[in-house]
Amino acid sequence: GQVSALCTAPGIVDLGAAAAYPDLQVTASFPASEQQWKDGQRSYYCFLNRSGGEPLTSSVAGSGPTG
């Protein structure tokens, strides 16, 4: 749940650009096992796609985390 919150935090997605895609989905990925976490793997990744499978034809990237 925490990674999902990070991927939807203000500044991550340009909400103005994202409005062009009413079916936009945000998913997150992070270390898959407790051992990976213990080994120091703390990176997480945010992925955006469309639920219908159509391509994104413009960037929806924000300027970076704010706050």
Protein backbone atom coordinates (compact mmCIF):
# COMPACT_ATOMS: atom_id res chain seq x y z
CA GLY A 1 0.00 0.00 0.00
CA GLN A 2 2.83 2.42 0.74
CA VAL A 3 4.36 2.05 -2.71
CA SER A 4 0.99 2.69 -4.35
CA ALA A 5 0.73 5.90 -2.33
CA LEU A 6 4.21 6.94 -3.48
CA CYS A 7 3.26 6.36 -7.13
CA THR A 8 0.18 8.56 -6.80
CA ALA A 9 1.79 11.30 -4.71
CA PRO A 10 1.50 14.89 -5.97
CA GLY A 11 3.95 15.64 -8.76
CA ILE A 12 4.46 12.04 -9.94
CA VAL A 13 1.75 12.20 -12.60
CA ASP A 14 0.86 15.31 -14.60
CA LEU A 15 -2.87 15.34 -13.84
CA GLY A 16 -3.60 17.69 -16.73
CA ALA A 17 -1.99 15.31 -19.23
CA ALA A 18 -3.49 12.26 -17.52
CA ALA A 19 -7.00 13.67 -18.01
CA ALA A 20 -6.70 12.71 -21.70
CA TYR A 21 -6.72 9.05 -20.63
CA PRO A 22 -9.85 8.24 -18.60
CA ASP A 23 -8.76 4.58 -18.37
CA LEU A 24 -5.28 5.30 -16.96
CA GLN A 25 -4.06 2.78 -14.38
CA VAL A 26 -1.13 3.09 -11.98
CA THR A 27 0.71 0.01 -10.76
CA ALA A 28 3.80 -0.30 -8.62
CA SER A 29 6.60 -2.82 -8.35
CA PHE A 30 9.08 -3.32 -5.52
CA PRO A 31 11.41 -6.04 -4.16
CA ALA A 32 9.45 -9.28 -4.27
CA SER A 33 10.79 -11.05 -1.20
CA GLU A 34 11.72 -10.34 2.38
CA GLN A 35 15.28 -11.43 1.60
CA GLN A 36 15.61 -8.89 -1.22
CA TRP A 37 14.43 -6.20 1.20
CA LYS A 38 16.93 -7.38 3.83
CA ASP A 39 19.64 -7.29 1.15
CA GLY A 40 18.99 -3.57 0.74
CA GLN A 41 16.88 -3.52 -2.41
CA ARG A 42 14.67 -0.51 -1.73
CA SER A 43 13.92 0.67 -5.25
CA TYR A 44 10.35 0.85 -6.43
CA TYR A 45 8.93 1.53 -9.86
CA CYS A 46 5.69 3.13 -10.98
CA PHE A 47 4.05 2.02 -14.22
CA LEU A 48 1.15 3.68 -15.99
CA ASN A 49 -0.89 2.05 -18.68
CA ARG A 50 -4.39 2.08 -20.10
CA SER A 51 -6.88 -0.56 -19.00
CA GLY A 52 -8.00 -1.07 -22.61
CA GLY A 53 -4.43 -1.69 -23.79
CA GLU A 54 -4.29 1.34 -26.09
CA PRO A 55 -0.95 3.17 -26.18
CA LEU A 56 -0.21 6.39 -24.37
CA THR A 57 0.46 8.93 -27.11
CA SER A 58 1.91 11.60 -24.83
CA SER A 59 3.82 11.73 -21.57
CA VAL A 60 1.92 11.83 -18.31
CA ALA A 61 5.08 12.18 -16.19
CA GLY A 62 4.97 14.85 -13.55
CA SER A 63 7.81 17.11 -12.57
CA GLY A 64 8.70 14.96 -9.55
CA PRO A 65 7.50 14.47 -6.00
CA THR A 66 6.34 17.58 -4.18
CA GLY A 67 5.89 18.22 -0.51
